[in-house]
Structure formats: structure tokens, C-alpha cells
Amino acid sequence: MKYPWHLYLMGIMYVIAGINHFIKPKMYVKIMPPYIPAHLNMVYLSGIAEIVLGIAVCFAMTKNYAIYGLIAMLLVFFTVHFYMLSSPEAGAGIPKWILILRIPLQFLLIWWAWFYLKY
């Protein structure tokens, strides 16, 4: 089955984001909430998850599993977004309005993934 080009775009986006976890791990460690253990390991694990799910979403056999995995991952990432809002250090000087805007953006990313379950 041929999928729309934007499904592949989504997959590529997650692969690139996952690779970035290995290129700039310190950036991700800094935004991890303190209650999450083993920050560096979690950064690498989430990077691997993004890469694997980004690739898996492009294949018929694994697409739906990958979509559910991406949605679960995006839901978990809300903890990071809220932590960045509540901690000036984790916010890294990013203006509050941008951090607030990331919340609805996260819902949009969840919808974008959910959209492909119909294919």
C-alpha cells in the first residue's frame, strides 16, 4: 500500500529528532524533570525510540504499532514541556509564550500521528 508523502515526512522528522538526542544530549538532559531517573540514559533511550518509531511508521507491517508508540511517547513528553514551563533553568531562556505554544503543538503532533491510523 502506498502512503501519502506526509506520512514519510513525519517518519523522517522523528528520525532526525532522535538522531539529535545523540548529537546534543546535554541539551535534552537539561530539560529532564528531576523525578525522572538516569537522565542521560533516558535521553538516549528516547532518541532510539524516536528513530525506531520514525522508521517503523513507514512500513505497513509496523505502521499502526509505531503510531501508537509515537502517541504514547508524545504524551510522556508533556512532562518535559510542563517542567520547562515551571523551571526557569529548564526553560533555557526560551520565552514563556513559546513554551506555552508548545503545549497545543504537542496535541497537533498527536493528532498528526492519529490521522494515519485510517490508512
N, C-alpha and C. Protein backbone atom coordinates (compact mmCIF):
# COMPACT_ATOMS: atom_id res chain seq x y z
N MET A 1 0.84 -1.18 0.00
CA MET A 1 0.00 0.00 0.00
C MET A 1 0.89 1.25 0.00
N LYS A 2 0.52 2.18 -0.82
CA LYS A 2 1.26 3.44 -0.89
C LYS A 2 0.65 4.43 0.09
N TYR A 3 1.51 5.03 0.89
CA TYR A 3 1.06 6.01 1.87
C TYR A 3 1.32 7.42 1.36
N PRO A 4 0.60 8.41 1.91
CA PRO A 4 0.84 9.78 1.49
C PRO A 4 2.25 10.24 1.88
N TRP A 5 2.79 11.15 1.10
CA TRP A 5 4.15 11.63 1.31
C TRP A 5 4.34 12.21 2.70
N HIS A 6 3.29 12.79 3.27
CA HIS A 6 3.46 13.44 4.58
C HIS A 6 3.60 12.44 5.71
N LEU A 7 3.20 11.19 5.50
CA LEU A 7 3.48 10.15 6.50
C LEU A 7 4.99 9.93 6.56
N TYR A 8 5.62 9.86 5.39
CA TYR A 8 7.08 9.69 5.35
C TYR A 8 7.79 10.91 5.92
N LEU A 9 7.23 12.08 5.68
CA LEU A 9 7.78 13.30 6.26
C LEU A 9 7.77 13.22 7.78
N MET A 10 6.65 12.75 8.33
CA MET A 10 6.55 12.59 9.77
C MET A 10 7.61 11.60 10.27
N GLY A 11 7.76 10.48 9.57
CA GLY A 11 8.76 9.49 9.95
C GLY A 11 10.16 10.08 9.94
N ILE A 12 10.49 10.81 8.89
CA ILE A 12 11.81 11.44 8.78
C ILE A 12 12.02 12.45 9.90
N MET A 13 10.97 13.20 10.23
CA MET A 13 11.06 14.19 11.30
C MET A 13 11.45 13.53 12.63
N TYR A 14 10.84 12.38 12.93
CA TYR A 14 11.16 11.69 14.18
C TYR A 14 12.56 11.08 14.14
N VAL A 15 12.97 10.58 13.00
CA VAL A 15 14.33 10.03 12.88
C VAL A 15 15.36 11.14 13.13
N ILE A 16 15.16 12.30 12.52
CA ILE A 16 16.08 13.42 12.72
C ILE A 16 16.07 13.87 14.17
N ALA A 17 14.88 13.97 14.76
CA ALA A 17 14.79 14.36 16.17
C ALA A 17 15.51 13.35 17.06
N GLY A 18 15.36 12.08 16.75
CA GLY A 18 16.03 11.04 17.53
C GLY A 18 17.54 11.10 17.41
N ILE A 19 18.03 11.34 16.20
CA ILE A 19 19.48 11.48 15.99
C ILE A 19 20.02 12.66 16.79
N ASN A 20 19.22 13.72 16.86
CA ASN A 20 19.63 14.92 17.60
C ASN A 20 19.88 14.62 19.09
N HIS A 21 19.20 13.59 19.63
CA HIS A 21 19.43 13.20 21.02
C HIS A 21 20.87 12.73 21.24
N PHE A 22 21.48 12.20 20.19
CA PHE A 22 22.85 11.71 20.28
C PHE A 22 23.87 12.80 19.93
N ILE A 23 23.44 13.76 19.15
CA ILE A 23 24.32 14.86 18.77
C ILE A 23 24.42 15.90 19.90
N LYS A 24 23.29 16.21 20.53
CA LYS A 24 23.22 17.23 21.59
C LYS A 24 22.55 16.69 22.86
N PRO A 25 23.10 15.64 23.44
CA PRO A 25 22.44 15.05 24.61
C PRO A 25 22.34 16.01 25.80
N LYS A 26 23.33 16.87 25.98
CA LYS A 26 23.30 17.79 27.13
C LYS A 26 22.08 18.70 27.09
N MET A 27 21.68 19.09 25.89
CA MET A 27 20.51 19.95 25.74
C MET A 27 19.26 19.25 26.28
N TYR A 28 19.16 17.95 26.02
CA TYR A 28 17.99 17.19 26.47
C TYR A 28 18.07 16.85 27.95
N VAL A 29 19.27 16.58 28.44
CA VAL A 29 19.44 16.28 29.86
C VAL A 29 18.99 17.47 30.71
N LYS A 30 19.29 18.67 30.23
CA LYS A 30 18.96 19.90 30.96
C LYS A 30 17.46 20.10 31.15
N ILE A 31 16.65 19.56 30.25
CA ILE A 31 15.21 19.78 30.33
C ILE A 31 14.45 18.61 30.98
N MET A 32 15.19 17.63 31.45
CA MET A 32 14.55 16.47 32.09
C MET A 32 14.09 16.82 33.50
N PRO A 33 12.84 16.49 33.83
CA PRO A 33 12.37 16.72 35.20
C PRO A 33 13.19 15.90 36.20
N PRO A 34 13.40 16.44 37.40
CA PRO A 34 14.26 15.75 38.37
C PRO A 34 13.73 14.39 38.83
N TYR A 35 12.43 14.16 38.72
CA TYR A 35 11.87 12.88 39.18
C TYR A 35 12.08 11.75 38.17
N ILE A 36 12.59 12.06 36.99
CA ILE A 36 12.90 11.02 36.01
C ILE A 36 14.34 10.57 36.26
N PRO A 37 14.55 9.27 36.47
CA PRO A 37 15.90 8.79 36.79
C PRO A 37 16.79 8.69 35.55
N ALA A 38 18.08 8.61 35.80
CA ALA A 38 19.09 8.33 34.77
C ALA A 38 18.89 9.20 33.53
N HIS A 39 19.01 10.49 33.71
CA HIS A 39 18.70 11.44 32.63
C HIS A 39 19.39 11.13 31.30
N LEU A 40 20.67 10.91 31.32
CA LEU A 40 21.39 10.67 30.07
C LEU A 40 20.90 9.39 29.40
N ASN A 41 20.70 8.35 30.19
CA ASN A 41 20.19 7.09 29.63
C ASN A 41 18.80 7.29 29.03
N MET A 42 17.98 8.08 29.70
CA MET A 42 16.62 8.34 29.20
C MET A 42 16.66 9.17 27.91
N VAL A 43 17.60 10.08 27.82
CA VAL A 43 17.76 10.87 26.59
C VAL A 43 18.12 9.93 25.44
N TYR A 44 19.07 9.05 25.66
CA TYR A 44 19.46 8.10 24.62
C TYR A 44 18.32 7.14 24.28
N LEU A 45 17.62 6.66 25.31
CA LEU A 45 16.50 5.74 25.09
C LEU A 45 15.39 6.41 24.28
N SER A 46 15.07 7.66 24.62
CA SER A 46 14.03 8.36 23.86
C SER A 46 14.50 8.64 22.43
N GLY A 47 15.79 8.90 22.26
CA GLY A 47 16.33 9.08 20.91
C GLY A 47 16.20 7.81 20.09
N ILE A 48 16.53 6.68 20.69
CA ILE A 48 16.39 5.39 20.00
C ILE A 48 14.92 5.15 19.65
N ALA A 49 14.03 5.44 20.60
CA ALA A 49 12.60 5.25 20.37
C ALA A 49 12.12 6.11 19.20
N GLU A 50 12.55 7.36 19.15
CA GLU A 50 12.14 8.23 18.05
C GLU A 50 12.66 7.71 16.70
N ILE A 51 13.88 7.24 16.68
CA ILE A 51 14.45 6.71 15.43
C ILE A 51 13.71 5.46 14.99
N VAL A 52 13.53 4.53 15.90
CA VAL A 52 12.86 3.26 15.57
C VAL A 52 11.42 3.51 15.15
N LEU A 53 10.69 4.32 15.90
CA LEU A 53 9.30 4.59 15.57
C LEU A 53 9.17 5.38 14.27
N GLY A 54 10.10 6.31 14.04
CA GLY A 54 10.09 7.07 12.80
C GLY A 54 10.29 6.20 11.58
N ILE A 55 11.12 5.18 11.72
CA ILE A 55 11.34 4.23 10.62
C ILE A 55 10.13 3.29 10.51
N ALA A 56 9.67 2.78 11.64
CA ALA A 56 8.59 1.79 11.64
C ALA A 56 7.28 2.35 11.09
N VAL A 57 7.07 3.64 11.22
CA VAL A 57 5.82 4.24 10.74
C VAL A 57 5.73 4.18 9.20
N CYS A 58 6.84 3.94 8.54
CA CYS A 58 6.89 3.93 7.07
C CYS A 58 6.60 2.57 6.45
N PHE A 59 6.36 1.55 7.27
CA PHE A 59 6.14 0.21 6.75
C PHE A 59 4.77 -0.32 7.20
N ALA A 60 4.06 -0.92 6.27
CA ALA A 60 2.69 -1.39 6.52
C ALA A 60 2.60 -2.31 7.74
N MET A 61 3.57 -3.20 7.88
CA MET A 61 3.51 -4.18 8.97
C MET A 61 3.62 -3.55 10.35
N THR A 62 4.32 -2.43 10.44
CA THR A 62 4.60 -1.83 11.75
C THR A 62 3.98 -0.45 11.94
N LYS A 63 3.33 0.08 10.91
CA LYS A 63 2.84 1.46 10.94
C LYS A 63 1.94 1.74 12.13
N ASN A 64 0.90 0.94 12.33
CA ASN A 64 -0.04 1.23 13.41
C ASN A 64 0.60 1.09 14.79
N TYR A 65 1.45 0.09 14.97
CA TYR A 65 2.16 -0.04 16.25
C TYR A 65 3.03 1.19 16.49
N ALA A 66 3.70 1.63 15.43
CA ALA A 66 4.56 2.81 15.55
C ALA A 66 3.75 4.05 15.89
N ILE A 67 2.58 4.18 15.28
CA ILE A 67 1.73 5.34 15.57
C ILE A 67 1.32 5.35 17.04
N TYR A 68 0.91 4.21 17.55
CA TYR A 68 0.55 4.15 18.98
C TYR A 68 1.76 4.44 19.85
N GLY A 69 2.92 3.96 19.43
CA GLY A 69 4.16 4.25 20.17
C GLY A 69 4.49 5.73 20.15
N LEU A 70 4.34 6.37 18.99
CA LEU A 70 4.60 7.81 18.89
C LEU A 70 3.63 8.60 19.76
N ILE A 71 2.37 8.22 19.75
CA ILE A 71 1.38 8.92 20.57
C ILE A 71 1.72 8.76 22.04
N ALA A 72 2.08 7.57 22.46
CA ALA A 72 2.46 7.35 23.86
C ALA A 72 3.69 8.19 24.21
N MET A 73 4.65 8.21 23.33
CA MET A 73 5.87 8.98 23.57
C MET A 73 5.54 10.48 23.67
N LEU A 74 4.71 10.97 22.78
CA LEU A 74 4.33 12.39 22.81
C LEU A 74 3.58 12.73 24.09
N LEU A 75 2.77 11.81 24.58
CA LEU A 75 2.07 12.04 25.86
C LEU A 75 3.06 12.12 27.01
N VAL A 76 4.05 11.24 27.01
CA VAL A 76 5.07 11.26 28.05
C VAL A 76 5.88 12.55 27.99
N PHE A 77 6.12 13.05 26.79
CA PHE A 77 6.91 14.27 26.62
C PHE A 77 6.22 15.51 27.21
N PHE A 78 4.92 15.41 27.49
CA PHE A 78 4.24 16.53 28.16
C PHE A 78 4.93 16.85 29.48
N THR A 79 5.46 15.83 30.16
CA THR A 79 6.12 16.08 31.45
C THR A 79 7.31 17.02 31.26
N VAL A 80 8.03 16.86 30.18
CA VAL A 80 9.17 17.73 29.89
C VAL A 80 8.70 19.15 29.59
N HIS A 81 7.65 19.26 28.80
CA HIS A 81 7.15 20.59 28.43
C HIS A 81 6.64 21.35 29.65
N PHE A 82 5.94 20.66 30.52
CA PHE A 82 5.45 21.34 31.73
C PHE A 82 6.60 21.67 32.68
N TYR A 83 7.60 20.80 32.74
CA TYR A 83 8.76 21.10 33.57
C TYR A 83 9.49 22.34 33.04
N MET A 84 9.63 22.44 31.74
CA MET A 84 10.29 23.61 31.15
C MET A 84 9.52 24.90 31.47
N LEU A 85 8.20 24.79 31.55
CA LEU A 85 7.38 25.95 31.92
C LEU A 85 7.56 26.34 33.38
N SER A 86 7.76 25.34 34.23
CA SER A 86 7.81 25.61 35.67
C SER A 86 9.22 25.89 36.20
N SER A 87 10.24 25.59 35.41
CA SER A 87 11.61 25.78 35.87
C SER A 87 12.35 26.73 34.95
N PRO A 88 12.75 27.89 35.45
CA PRO A 88 13.49 28.83 34.60
C PRO A 88 14.78 28.22 34.03
N GLU A 89 15.44 27.40 34.83
CA GLU A 89 16.67 26.75 34.34
C GLU A 89 16.38 25.81 33.18
N ALA A 90 15.34 25.00 33.31
CA ALA A 90 14.98 24.06 32.24
C ALA A 90 14.43 24.81 31.03
N GLY A 91 13.81 25.96 31.27
CA GLY A 91 13.28 26.76 30.17
C GLY A 91 14.36 27.34 29.29
N ALA A 92 15.59 27.35 29.77
CA ALA A 92 16.78 27.74 29.00
C ALA A 92 16.65 29.11 28.33
N GLY A 93 15.93 30.00 28.99
CA GLY A 93 15.80 31.35 28.45
C GLY A 93 14.83 31.47 27.28
N ILE A 94 14.15 30.39 26.96
CA ILE A 94 13.14 30.43 25.90
C ILE A 94 11.95 31.24 26.41
N PRO A 95 11.45 32.18 25.64
CA PRO A 95 10.31 32.98 26.12
C PRO A 95 9.12 32.11 26.52
N LYS A 96 8.44 32.50 27.59
CA LYS A 96 7.30 31.72 28.12
C LYS A 96 6.25 31.46 27.06
N TRP A 97 6.00 32.46 26.20
CA TRP A 97 4.94 32.28 25.20
C TRP A 97 5.27 31.15 24.24
N ILE A 98 6.54 30.93 23.96
CA ILE A 98 6.93 29.82 23.08
C ILE A 98 6.74 28.49 23.82
N LEU A 99 7.12 28.47 25.10
CA LEU A 99 6.94 27.26 25.89
C LEU A 99 5.46 26.91 26.03
N ILE A 100 4.63 27.93 26.17
CA ILE A 100 3.18 27.70 26.25
C ILE A 100 2.64 27.21 24.91
N LEU A 101 3.14 27.77 23.83
CA LEU A 101 2.71 27.38 22.49
C LEU A 101 3.05 25.92 22.18
N ARG A 102 4.07 25.40 22.84
CA ARG A 102 4.46 24.00 22.60
C ARG A 102 3.39 23.02 23.07
N ILE A 103 2.57 23.42 24.03
CA ILE A 103 1.53 22.52 24.55
C ILE A 103 0.51 22.19 23.45
N PRO A 104 -0.13 23.20 22.83
CA PRO A 104 -1.05 22.84 21.73
C PRO A 104 -0.33 22.20 20.54
N LEU A 105 0.92 22.56 20.33
CA LEU A 105 1.69 21.93 19.26
C LEU A 105 1.81 20.43 19.52
N GLN A 106 1.99 20.07 20.78
CA GLN A 106 2.08 18.65 21.13
C GLN A 106 0.78 17.92 20.78
N PHE A 107 -0.36 18.56 21.06
CA PHE A 107 -1.64 17.96 20.68
C PHE A 107 -1.76 17.83 19.17
N LEU A 108 -1.24 18.80 18.44
CA LEU A 108 -1.26 18.75 16.98
C LEU A 108 -0.40 17.57 16.47
N LEU A 109 0.75 17.37 17.09
CA LEU A 109 1.60 16.23 16.70
C LEU A 109 0.91 14.90 16.99
N ILE A 110 0.18 14.84 18.10
CA ILE A 110 -0.57 13.62 18.44
C ILE A 110 -1.66 13.39 17.39
N TRP A 111 -2.37 14.44 17.03
CA TRP A 111 -3.41 14.31 16.01
C TRP A 111 -2.81 13.89 14.68
N TRP A 112 -1.65 14.46 14.33
CA TRP A 112 -0.99 14.14 13.07
C TRP A 112 -0.69 12.64 13.00
N ALA A 113 -0.19 12.09 14.08
CA ALA A 113 0.08 10.65 14.11
C ALA A 113 -1.23 9.85 14.04
N TRP A 114 -2.21 10.24 14.83
CA TRP A 114 -3.50 9.53 14.89
C TRP A 114 -4.17 9.49 13.52
N PHE A 115 -4.01 10.55 12.76
CA PHE A 115 -4.60 10.70 11.44
C PHE A 115 -4.25 9.51 10.52
N TYR A 116 -3.06 8.96 10.66
CA TYR A 116 -2.59 7.91 9.76
C TYR A 116 -3.10 6.52 10.12
N LEU A 117 -3.83 6.39 11.20
CA LEU A 117 -4.39 5.08 11.54
C LEU A 117 -5.46 4.66 10.52
N LYS A 118 -6.02 5.62 9.80
CA LYS A 118 -7.07 5.29 8.83
C LYS A 118 -6.51 4.69 7.54
N TYR A 119 -5.22 4.80 7.33
CA TYR A 119 -4.62 4.28 6.09
C TYR A 119 -4.26 2.82 6.23
